[in-house]
Amino acid sequence: MSVRIKQRYSPEDRIQAFWLKVEKTETCWLWRGSTNQWGYGRAWWDQRLRPAHHVPFFLQHGRFPSPALLHRCDTPGCVRPSHTFEGDQFDNMRDMTAKGRGRAAYGDSHWTRREPERVRGERNGRAKLPDSAVIEIRELYATGQFTQKALGLRFGVGQSHISQLVLAKQRRL
């Protein structure tokens, strides 16, 4: 039976390994290691998985932020210390709302109003059909010669999707 010996790295080696996963651009220092589902970096530090942007804060201040570390640049993968600041959960929510990133954002401050090109039509990453197909589906259905099911089979989507398109509940063009 072999015994696995856990190798310990020096603090200098850990710091160097951390910075090897950072791409420095003109504005942000982007984490190129593991990320969570929202794009925030994750790094092993002191035998714990921590947010990657907390590690440079630790290296600069000798402690981890308490309780939160917020981004000025709003780039989840940024680990540049000058782009972060300490705060609490209330500060985080206020910052998010002020920048129109929260669910509470509405009207002209909502991100869909500020960046409509990201969500409209075929430019939306979740769109199943190009804009030209949506127009064709609506025109064919208006003739009365095609059922929603038949159009669904023809365009490779379900009848419920066709229903949403012809009733204009989806894909405002």
N, C-alpha and C. Protein backbone atom coordinates (compact mmCIF):
# COMPACT_ATOMS: atom_id res chain seq x y z
N MET A 1 0.85 -1.18 0.00
CA MET A 1 0.00 0.00 0.00
C MET A 1 0.89 1.23 0.00
N SER A 2 0.61 2.14 -0.91
CA SER A 2 1.41 3.36 -0.96
C SER A 2 0.73 4.46 -0.14
N VAL A 3 1.57 5.29 0.42
CA VAL A 3 1.07 6.39 1.23
C VAL A 3 1.24 7.67 0.43
N ARG A 4 0.16 8.40 0.32
CA ARG A 4 0.21 9.65 -0.44
C ARG A 4 0.61 10.77 0.51
N ILE A 5 1.69 11.43 0.17
CA ILE A 5 2.17 12.53 0.99
C ILE A 5 1.76 13.83 0.33
N LYS A 6 1.04 14.65 1.08
CA LYS A 6 0.58 15.92 0.54
C LYS A 6 1.75 16.91 0.52
N GLN A 7 2.03 17.41 -0.66
CA GLN A 7 3.14 18.32 -0.81
C GLN A 7 2.71 19.73 -0.42
N ARG A 8 3.50 20.39 0.38
CA ARG A 8 3.24 21.76 0.79
C ARG A 8 4.05 22.70 -0.07
N TYR A 9 3.42 23.73 -0.52
CA TYR A 9 4.10 24.73 -1.33
C TYR A 9 4.42 25.94 -0.48
N SER A 10 5.49 26.58 -0.82
CA SER A 10 5.87 27.78 -0.08
C SER A 10 4.89 28.90 -0.42
N PRO A 11 4.76 29.90 0.44
CA PRO A 11 3.88 31.04 0.12
C PRO A 11 4.25 31.71 -1.20
N GLU A 12 5.53 31.79 -1.50
CA GLU A 12 5.96 32.41 -2.77
C GLU A 12 5.48 31.60 -3.97
N ASP A 13 5.55 30.26 -3.85
CA ASP A 13 5.07 29.40 -4.94
C ASP A 13 3.56 29.54 -5.14
N ARG A 14 2.81 29.63 -4.05
CA ARG A 14 1.36 29.78 -4.15
C ARG A 14 0.99 31.12 -4.79
N ILE A 15 1.71 32.17 -4.40
CA ILE A 15 1.45 33.49 -4.98
C ILE A 15 1.77 33.48 -6.47
N GLN A 16 2.89 32.88 -6.83
CA GLN A 16 3.27 32.81 -8.24
C GLN A 16 2.24 32.01 -9.04
N ALA A 17 1.79 30.88 -8.48
CA ALA A 17 0.80 30.05 -9.16
C ALA A 17 -0.51 30.82 -9.35
N PHE A 18 -0.89 31.62 -8.36
CA PHE A 18 -2.10 32.43 -8.48
C PHE A 18 -1.98 33.41 -9.65
N TRP A 19 -0.87 34.17 -9.70
CA TRP A 19 -0.72 35.20 -10.72
C TRP A 19 -0.54 34.63 -12.12
N LEU A 20 -0.14 33.35 -12.24
CA LEU A 20 -0.05 32.73 -13.56
C LEU A 20 -1.43 32.56 -14.20
N LYS A 21 -2.48 32.58 -13.37
CA LYS A 21 -3.85 32.42 -13.88
C LYS A 21 -4.53 33.77 -14.11
N VAL A 22 -3.77 34.85 -14.09
CA VAL A 22 -4.33 36.19 -14.27
C VAL A 22 -3.81 36.79 -15.57
N GLU A 23 -4.73 37.27 -16.40
CA GLU A 23 -4.36 37.97 -17.64
C GLU A 23 -4.56 39.46 -17.41
N LYS A 24 -3.47 40.21 -17.47
CA LYS A 24 -3.55 41.65 -17.23
C LYS A 24 -3.83 42.37 -18.54
N THR A 25 -4.97 43.06 -18.60
CA THR A 25 -5.31 43.87 -19.75
C THR A 25 -5.12 45.34 -19.37
N GLU A 26 -5.42 46.23 -20.29
CA GLU A 26 -5.24 47.66 -20.00
C GLU A 26 -6.13 48.12 -18.85
N THR A 27 -7.29 47.52 -18.74
CA THR A 27 -8.22 47.96 -17.69
C THR A 27 -8.29 46.96 -16.54
N CYS A 28 -8.72 45.75 -16.81
CA CYS A 28 -8.94 44.76 -15.76
C CYS A 28 -7.86 43.69 -15.76
N TRP A 29 -7.70 43.04 -14.62
CA TRP A 29 -6.87 41.85 -14.50
C TRP A 29 -7.82 40.67 -14.42
N LEU A 30 -7.89 39.90 -15.50
CA LEU A 30 -8.92 38.87 -15.63
C LEU A 30 -8.44 37.51 -15.15
N TRP A 31 -9.25 36.88 -14.30
CA TRP A 31 -8.97 35.55 -13.78
C TRP A 31 -9.25 34.53 -14.86
N ARG A 32 -8.27 33.68 -15.17
CA ARG A 32 -8.41 32.67 -16.21
C ARG A 32 -8.46 31.25 -15.64
N GLY A 33 -8.65 31.15 -14.33
CA GLY A 33 -8.79 29.84 -13.69
C GLY A 33 -10.26 29.47 -13.58
N SER A 34 -10.57 28.67 -12.62
CA SER A 34 -11.93 28.19 -12.39
C SER A 34 -12.86 29.35 -12.03
N THR A 35 -14.11 29.27 -12.52
CA THR A 35 -15.11 30.29 -12.20
C THR A 35 -16.40 29.63 -11.74
N ASN A 36 -17.24 30.42 -11.08
CA ASN A 36 -18.55 29.91 -10.70
C ASN A 36 -19.54 30.24 -11.82
N GLN A 37 -20.81 29.95 -11.61
CA GLN A 37 -21.82 30.11 -12.67
C GLN A 37 -22.05 31.57 -13.06
N TRP A 38 -21.64 32.52 -12.21
CA TRP A 38 -21.81 33.94 -12.52
C TRP A 38 -20.55 34.57 -13.07
N GLY A 39 -19.49 33.79 -13.27
CA GLY A 39 -18.25 34.30 -13.86
C GLY A 39 -17.23 34.79 -12.86
N TYR A 40 -17.52 34.67 -11.57
CA TYR A 40 -16.54 35.08 -10.55
C TYR A 40 -15.50 33.98 -10.39
N GLY A 41 -14.23 34.37 -10.32
CA GLY A 41 -13.15 33.41 -10.17
C GLY A 41 -13.18 32.70 -8.83
N ARG A 42 -12.64 31.48 -8.83
CA ARG A 42 -12.52 30.71 -7.60
C ARG A 42 -11.09 30.22 -7.50
N ALA A 43 -10.49 30.38 -6.33
CA ALA A 43 -9.10 29.99 -6.14
C ALA A 43 -8.93 29.29 -4.80
N TRP A 44 -8.11 28.24 -4.78
CA TRP A 44 -7.78 27.57 -3.53
C TRP A 44 -6.75 28.42 -2.80
N TRP A 45 -7.07 28.78 -1.58
CA TRP A 45 -6.14 29.57 -0.77
C TRP A 45 -6.36 29.21 0.68
N ASP A 46 -5.28 28.87 1.38
CA ASP A 46 -5.34 28.45 2.78
C ASP A 46 -6.35 27.31 2.99
N GLN A 47 -6.26 26.32 2.11
CA GLN A 47 -7.07 25.11 2.16
C GLN A 47 -8.57 25.38 2.06
N ARG A 48 -8.93 26.47 1.40
CA ARG A 48 -10.34 26.80 1.17
C ARG A 48 -10.51 27.33 -0.24
N LEU A 49 -11.68 27.07 -0.82
CA LEU A 49 -12.03 27.65 -2.10
C LEU A 49 -12.60 29.03 -1.84
N ARG A 50 -11.92 30.04 -2.34
CA ARG A 50 -12.32 31.42 -2.07
C ARG A 50 -12.57 32.16 -3.38
N PRO A 51 -13.32 33.27 -3.32
CA PRO A 51 -13.44 34.11 -4.52
C PRO A 51 -12.06 34.61 -4.92
N ALA A 52 -11.72 34.48 -6.19
CA ALA A 52 -10.37 34.82 -6.64
C ALA A 52 -10.03 36.28 -6.38
N HIS A 53 -11.01 37.19 -6.46
CA HIS A 53 -10.70 38.60 -6.25
C HIS A 53 -10.41 38.91 -4.78
N HIS A 54 -10.66 37.96 -3.87
CA HIS A 54 -10.33 38.15 -2.46
C HIS A 54 -8.84 37.91 -2.19
N VAL A 55 -8.19 37.09 -3.02
CA VAL A 55 -6.78 36.76 -2.79
C VAL A 55 -5.88 37.99 -2.93
N PRO A 56 -5.98 38.80 -4.00
CA PRO A 56 -5.13 40.00 -4.05
C PRO A 56 -5.40 40.97 -2.89
N PHE A 57 -6.64 41.02 -2.43
CA PHE A 57 -6.95 41.84 -1.26
C PHE A 57 -6.19 41.31 -0.05
N PHE A 58 -6.17 39.99 0.11
CA PHE A 58 -5.44 39.36 1.21
C PHE A 58 -3.94 39.65 1.10
N LEU A 59 -3.41 39.54 -0.10
CA LEU A 59 -1.98 39.79 -0.29
C LEU A 59 -1.62 41.25 0.00
N GLN A 60 -2.54 42.16 -0.25
CA GLN A 60 -2.29 43.58 -0.03
C GLN A 60 -2.50 43.99 1.43
N HIS A 61 -3.52 43.41 2.08
CA HIS A 61 -3.90 43.86 3.42
C HIS A 61 -3.60 42.85 4.53
N GLY A 62 -3.22 41.63 4.17
CA GLY A 62 -2.91 40.63 5.19
C GLY A 62 -4.13 40.00 5.84
N ARG A 63 -5.30 40.25 5.29
CA ARG A 63 -6.54 39.67 5.80
C ARG A 63 -7.54 39.59 4.66
N PHE A 64 -8.52 38.71 4.83
CA PHE A 64 -9.57 38.62 3.82
C PHE A 64 -10.64 39.67 4.12
N PRO A 65 -11.34 40.13 3.09
CA PRO A 65 -12.36 41.17 3.30
C PRO A 65 -13.50 40.65 4.18
N SER A 66 -14.06 41.56 4.93
CA SER A 66 -15.17 41.20 5.79
C SER A 66 -16.24 42.27 5.69
N PRO A 67 -17.43 41.97 5.35
CA PRO A 67 -17.93 40.68 4.89
C PRO A 67 -17.93 40.54 3.37
N ALA A 68 -17.81 41.65 2.61
CA ALA A 68 -17.93 41.54 1.15
C ALA A 68 -16.87 42.39 0.47
N LEU A 69 -16.56 42.01 -0.77
CA LEU A 69 -15.63 42.78 -1.59
C LEU A 69 -16.35 43.07 -2.90
N LEU A 70 -16.60 44.33 -3.18
CA LEU A 70 -17.40 44.75 -4.33
C LEU A 70 -16.49 45.20 -5.47
N HIS A 71 -17.01 45.11 -6.70
CA HIS A 71 -16.27 45.52 -7.89
C HIS A 71 -16.70 46.92 -8.34
N ARG A 72 -15.74 47.78 -8.57
CA ARG A 72 -16.04 49.08 -9.19
C ARG A 72 -16.31 48.90 -10.68
N CYS A 73 -15.58 47.98 -11.30
CA CYS A 73 -15.65 47.80 -12.75
C CYS A 73 -16.80 46.91 -13.19
N ASP A 74 -17.45 46.22 -12.28
CA ASP A 74 -18.55 45.30 -12.59
C ASP A 74 -18.16 44.19 -13.55
N THR A 75 -16.89 43.80 -13.53
CA THR A 75 -16.43 42.66 -14.31
C THR A 75 -16.21 41.51 -13.33
N PRO A 76 -17.06 40.48 -13.35
CA PRO A 76 -16.96 39.43 -12.33
C PRO A 76 -15.59 38.77 -12.26
N GLY A 77 -14.90 38.62 -13.39
CA GLY A 77 -13.61 37.94 -13.40
C GLY A 77 -12.44 38.82 -13.06
N CYS A 78 -12.66 40.08 -12.73
CA CYS A 78 -11.56 41.01 -12.45
C CYS A 78 -11.01 40.79 -11.04
N VAL A 79 -9.68 40.70 -10.94
CA VAL A 79 -9.03 40.51 -9.64
C VAL A 79 -8.10 41.69 -9.31
N ARG A 80 -8.18 42.75 -10.09
CA ARG A 80 -7.32 43.91 -9.85
C ARG A 80 -7.72 44.60 -8.54
N PRO A 81 -6.78 44.73 -7.59
CA PRO A 81 -7.14 45.29 -6.28
C PRO A 81 -7.73 46.70 -6.35
N SER A 82 -7.27 47.52 -7.28
CA SER A 82 -7.80 48.89 -7.37
C SER A 82 -9.23 48.93 -7.89
N HIS A 83 -9.72 47.81 -8.41
CA HIS A 83 -11.09 47.75 -8.93
C HIS A 83 -12.07 47.19 -7.89
N THR A 84 -11.59 46.92 -6.68
CA THR A 84 -12.46 46.37 -5.65
C THR A 84 -12.45 47.27 -4.42
N PHE A 85 -13.53 47.16 -3.64
CA PHE A 85 -13.60 47.90 -2.38
C PHE A 85 -14.43 47.10 -1.39
N GLU A 86 -14.12 47.28 -0.12
CA GLU A 86 -14.80 46.54 0.93
C GLU A 86 -16.17 47.15 1.21
N GLY A 87 -17.09 46.31 1.57
CA GLY A 87 -18.42 46.76 1.95
C GLY A 87 -19.16 45.64 2.62
N ASP A 88 -20.42 45.89 2.92
CA ASP A 88 -21.25 44.84 3.49
C ASP A 88 -22.35 44.50 2.49
N GLN A 89 -23.24 43.61 2.86
CA GLN A 89 -24.29 43.18 1.94
C GLN A 89 -25.20 44.34 1.53
N PHE A 90 -25.47 45.25 2.45
CA PHE A 90 -26.30 46.41 2.12
C PHE A 90 -25.61 47.27 1.06
N ASP A 91 -24.29 47.49 1.22
CA ASP A 91 -23.54 48.25 0.22
C ASP A 91 -23.58 47.54 -1.13
N ASN A 92 -23.48 46.23 -1.11
CA ASN A 92 -23.50 45.44 -2.34
C ASN A 92 -24.85 45.59 -3.06
N MET A 93 -25.94 45.52 -2.32
CA MET A 93 -27.27 45.64 -2.92
C MET A 93 -27.51 47.07 -3.45
N ARG A 94 -27.07 48.06 -2.69
CA ARG A 94 -27.22 49.45 -3.12
C ARG A 94 -26.41 49.71 -4.39
N ASP A 95 -25.18 49.19 -4.44
CA ASP A 95 -24.32 49.34 -5.61
C ASP A 95 -24.95 48.65 -6.83
N MET A 96 -25.48 47.45 -6.63
CA MET A 96 -26.10 46.69 -7.71
C MET A 96 -27.31 47.44 -8.27
N THR A 97 -28.14 47.96 -7.38
CA THR A 97 -29.34 48.68 -7.81
C THR A 97 -28.98 49.97 -8.52
N ALA A 98 -27.99 50.70 -7.99
CA ALA A 98 -27.58 51.97 -8.61
C ALA A 98 -27.06 51.76 -10.02
N LYS A 99 -26.47 50.60 -10.28
CA LYS A 99 -25.93 50.30 -11.60
C LYS A 99 -26.93 49.57 -12.49
N GLY A 100 -28.15 49.37 -11.99
CA GLY A 100 -29.19 48.74 -12.80
C GLY A 100 -28.97 47.26 -13.03
N ARG A 101 -28.30 46.59 -12.11
CA ARG A 101 -28.00 45.18 -12.30
C ARG A 101 -28.93 44.26 -11.52
N GLY A 102 -29.75 44.80 -10.65
CA GLY A 102 -30.59 43.96 -9.81
C GLY A 102 -31.96 43.74 -10.39
N ARG A 103 -32.71 42.87 -9.76
CA ARG A 103 -34.08 42.60 -10.19
C ARG A 103 -34.97 43.81 -9.96
N ALA A 104 -34.58 44.66 -9.03
CA ALA A 104 -35.39 45.83 -8.71
C ALA A 104 -35.27 46.92 -9.78
N ALA A 105 -34.29 46.78 -10.67
CA ALA A 105 -34.10 47.80 -11.70
C ALA A 105 -35.28 47.75 -12.68
N TYR A 106 -35.78 48.91 -13.04
CA TYR A 106 -36.90 48.95 -13.95
C TYR A 106 -36.81 50.23 -14.76
N GLY A 107 -37.71 50.35 -15.74
CA GLY A 107 -37.73 51.55 -16.57
C GLY A 107 -36.46 51.70 -17.38
N ASP A 108 -36.04 52.94 -17.58
CA ASP A 108 -34.87 53.21 -18.42
C ASP A 108 -33.57 52.75 -17.79
N SER A 109 -33.54 52.49 -16.48
CA SER A 109 -32.31 52.04 -15.85
C SER A 109 -32.09 50.53 -15.98
N HIS A 110 -33.12 49.79 -16.42
CA HIS A 110 -32.97 48.35 -16.56
C HIS A 110 -32.00 48.04 -17.69
N TRP A 111 -31.17 47.01 -17.49
CA TRP A 111 -30.14 46.72 -18.47
C TRP A 111 -30.71 46.39 -19.85
N THR A 112 -31.93 45.86 -19.92
CA THR A 112 -32.50 45.56 -21.23
C THR A 112 -32.84 46.82 -22.00
N ARG A 113 -33.06 47.92 -21.30
CA ARG A 113 -33.31 49.20 -21.98
C ARG A 113 -31.98 49.85 -22.39
N ARG A 114 -30.96 49.68 -21.54
CA ARG A 114 -29.66 50.27 -21.84
C ARG A 114 -28.93 49.52 -22.94
N GLU A 115 -29.16 48.20 -23.04
CA GLU A 115 -28.46 47.37 -24.02
C GLU A 115 -29.44 46.48 -24.79
N PRO A 116 -30.36 47.07 -25.54
CA PRO A 116 -31.38 46.25 -26.20
C PRO A 116 -30.81 45.30 -27.23
N GLU A 117 -29.65 45.60 -27.78
CA GLU A 117 -29.06 44.72 -28.79
C GLU A 117 -28.70 43.36 -28.24
N ARG A 118 -28.57 43.23 -26.92
CA ARG A 118 -28.22 41.95 -26.31
C ARG A 118 -29.42 41.02 -26.19
N VAL A 119 -30.63 41.55 -26.22
CA VAL A 119 -31.78 40.71 -25.91
C VAL A 119 -32.81 40.60 -27.02
N ARG A 120 -32.72 41.38 -28.04
CA ARG A 120 -33.76 41.39 -29.06
C ARG A 120 -33.44 40.41 -30.19
N GLY A 121 -34.48 39.66 -30.58
CA GLY A 121 -34.42 38.83 -31.77
C GLY A 121 -33.34 37.76 -31.74
N GLU A 122 -32.78 37.52 -32.92
CA GLU A 122 -31.81 36.43 -33.08
C GLU A 122 -30.49 36.71 -32.38
N ARG A 123 -30.25 37.94 -31.94
CA ARG A 123 -29.02 38.26 -31.20
C ARG A 123 -29.06 37.71 -29.78
N ASN A 124 -30.25 37.39 -29.32
CA ASN A 124 -30.37 36.80 -27.99
C ASN A 124 -29.83 35.37 -28.04
N GLY A 125 -28.97 35.03 -27.11
CA GLY A 125 -28.35 33.71 -27.10
C GLY A 125 -29.32 32.56 -26.94
N ARG A 126 -30.53 32.84 -26.47
CA ARG A 126 -31.51 31.77 -26.28
C ARG A 126 -32.48 31.65 -27.45
N ALA A 127 -32.32 32.46 -28.49
CA ALA A 127 -33.23 32.43 -29.63
C ALA A 127 -33.10 31.09 -30.36
N LYS A 128 -34.22 30.48 -30.69
CA LYS A 128 -34.20 29.20 -31.39
C LYS A 128 -34.26 29.38 -32.90
N LEU A 129 -34.77 30.52 -33.34
CA LEU A 129 -34.97 30.74 -34.76
C LEU A 129 -34.45 32.12 -35.16
N PRO A 130 -33.97 32.26 -36.40
CA PRO A 130 -33.57 33.58 -36.86
C PRO A 130 -34.79 34.47 -37.09
N ASP A 131 -34.58 35.77 -37.12
CA ASP A 131 -35.68 36.72 -37.31
C ASP A 131 -36.45 36.45 -38.60
N SER A 132 -35.74 36.05 -39.66
CA SER A 132 -36.41 35.80 -40.95
C SER A 132 -37.41 34.65 -40.82
N ALA A 133 -37.07 33.62 -40.06
CA ALA A 133 -37.98 32.48 -39.86
C ALA A 133 -39.20 32.91 -39.05
N VAL A 134 -39.02 33.77 -38.07
CA VAL A 134 -40.14 34.24 -37.26
C VAL A 134 -41.12 35.01 -38.13
N ILE A 135 -40.59 35.87 -38.98
CA ILE A 135 -41.45 36.63 -39.91
C ILE A 135 -42.21 35.68 -40.83
N GLU A 136 -41.50 34.69 -41.37
CA GLU A 136 -42.13 33.72 -42.27
C GLU A 136 -43.22 32.92 -41.54
N ILE A 137 -42.96 32.51 -40.31
CA ILE A 137 -43.95 31.76 -39.53
C ILE A 137 -45.20 32.60 -39.33
N ARG A 138 -45.05 33.85 -38.99
CA ARG A 138 -46.21 34.72 -38.76
C ARG A 138 -47.00 34.93 -40.05
N GLU A 139 -46.29 35.08 -41.16
CA GLU A 139 -46.97 35.26 -42.45
C GLU A 139 -47.72 34.00 -42.86
N LEU A 140 -47.08 32.83 -42.71
CA LEU A 140 -47.72 31.57 -43.08
C LEU A 140 -48.94 31.28 -42.20
N TYR A 141 -48.82 31.55 -40.90
CA TYR A 141 -49.94 31.30 -40.00
C TYR A 141 -51.11 32.23 -40.31
N ALA A 142 -50.79 33.47 -40.70
CA ALA A 142 -51.85 34.44 -41.01
C ALA A 142 -52.68 34.03 -42.23
N THR A 143 -52.11 33.22 -43.11
CA THR A 143 -52.86 32.77 -44.29
C THR A 143 -53.98 31.81 -43.92
N GLY A 144 -53.86 31.16 -42.74
CA GLY A 144 -54.87 30.20 -42.31
C GLY A 144 -54.68 28.82 -42.90
N GLN A 145 -53.64 28.60 -43.69
CA GLN A 145 -53.41 27.31 -44.34
C GLN A 145 -52.55 26.36 -43.49
N PHE A 146 -51.95 26.88 -42.42
CA PHE A 146 -51.05 26.06 -41.60
C PHE A 146 -51.47 26.10 -40.15
N THR A 147 -51.40 24.93 -39.52
CA THR A 147 -51.64 24.88 -38.08
C THR A 147 -50.33 25.17 -37.35
N GLN A 148 -50.44 25.47 -36.08
CA GLN A 148 -49.24 25.71 -35.29
C GLN A 148 -48.37 24.46 -35.23
N LYS A 149 -49.01 23.31 -35.14
CA LYS A 149 -48.27 22.05 -35.08
C LYS A 149 -47.50 21.82 -36.38
N ALA A 150 -48.14 22.09 -37.52
CA ALA A 150 -47.49 21.91 -38.81
C ALA A 150 -46.30 22.87 -38.96
N LEU A 151 -46.48 24.09 -38.51
CA LEU A 151 -45.36 25.05 -38.58
C LEU A 151 -44.23 24.63 -37.65
N GLY A 152 -44.58 24.09 -36.50
CA GLY A 152 -43.58 23.60 -35.58
C GLY A 152 -42.74 22.49 -36.19
N LEU A 153 -43.40 21.55 -36.86
CA LEU A 153 -42.68 20.47 -37.53
C LEU A 153 -41.81 21.01 -38.66
N ARG A 154 -42.34 21.95 -39.39
CA ARG A 154 -41.61 22.51 -40.53
C ARG A 154 -40.35 23.26 -40.09
N PHE A 155 -40.42 23.97 -38.95
CA PHE A 155 -39.29 24.79 -38.50
C PHE A 155 -38.48 24.15 -37.36
N GLY A 156 -38.87 22.95 -36.96
CA GLY A 156 -38.10 22.22 -35.98
C GLY A 156 -38.22 22.71 -34.54
N VAL A 157 -39.39 23.26 -34.21
CA VAL A 157 -39.64 23.69 -32.83
C VAL A 157 -41.00 23.15 -32.42
N GLY A 158 -41.32 23.26 -31.16
CA GLY A 158 -42.59 22.76 -30.66
C GLY A 158 -43.76 23.67 -30.98
N GLN A 159 -44.97 23.10 -30.90
CA GLN A 159 -46.19 23.87 -31.16
C GLN A 159 -46.32 25.03 -30.19
N SER A 160 -45.94 24.83 -28.93
CA SER A 160 -46.07 25.90 -27.94
C SER A 160 -45.16 27.09 -28.28
N HIS A 161 -44.01 26.79 -28.85
CA HIS A 161 -43.10 27.87 -29.27
C HIS A 161 -43.73 28.67 -30.42
N ILE A 162 -44.32 27.96 -31.37
CA ILE A 162 -45.00 28.62 -32.49
C ILE A 162 -46.14 29.49 -31.96
N SER A 163 -46.89 28.96 -31.00
CA SER A 163 -47.98 29.72 -30.41
C SER A 163 -47.48 31.03 -29.81
N GLN A 164 -46.38 30.97 -29.08
CA GLN A 164 -45.81 32.18 -28.48
C GLN A 164 -45.38 33.18 -29.57
N LEU A 165 -44.87 32.66 -30.68
CA LEU A 165 -44.42 33.55 -31.75
C LEU A 165 -45.59 34.22 -32.48
N VAL A 166 -46.61 33.45 -32.80
CA VAL A 166 -47.72 34.02 -33.57
C VAL A 166 -48.59 34.93 -32.71
N LEU A 167 -48.62 34.69 -31.42
CA LEU A 167 -49.38 35.57 -30.52
C LEU A 167 -48.53 36.76 -30.07
N ALA A 168 -47.30 36.83 -30.58
CA ALA A 168 -46.36 37.92 -30.30
C ALA A 168 -46.03 38.05 -28.81
N LYS A 169 -46.07 36.91 -28.09
CA LYS A 169 -45.66 36.93 -26.70
C LYS A 169 -44.15 36.77 -26.59
N GLN A 170 -43.55 36.33 -27.68
CA GLN A 170 -42.10 36.23 -27.77
C GLN A 170 -41.66 36.92 -29.05
N ARG A 171 -40.41 37.36 -29.02
CA ARG A 171 -39.74 37.89 -30.21
C ARG A 171 -40.42 39.11 -30.83
N ARG A 172 -40.43 40.18 -30.07
CA ARG A 172 -40.85 41.44 -30.66
C ARG A 172 -39.77 41.86 -31.65
N LEU A 173 -40.16 42.08 -32.87
CA LEU A 173 -39.18 42.45 -33.92
C LEU A 173 -39.24 43.93 -34.22
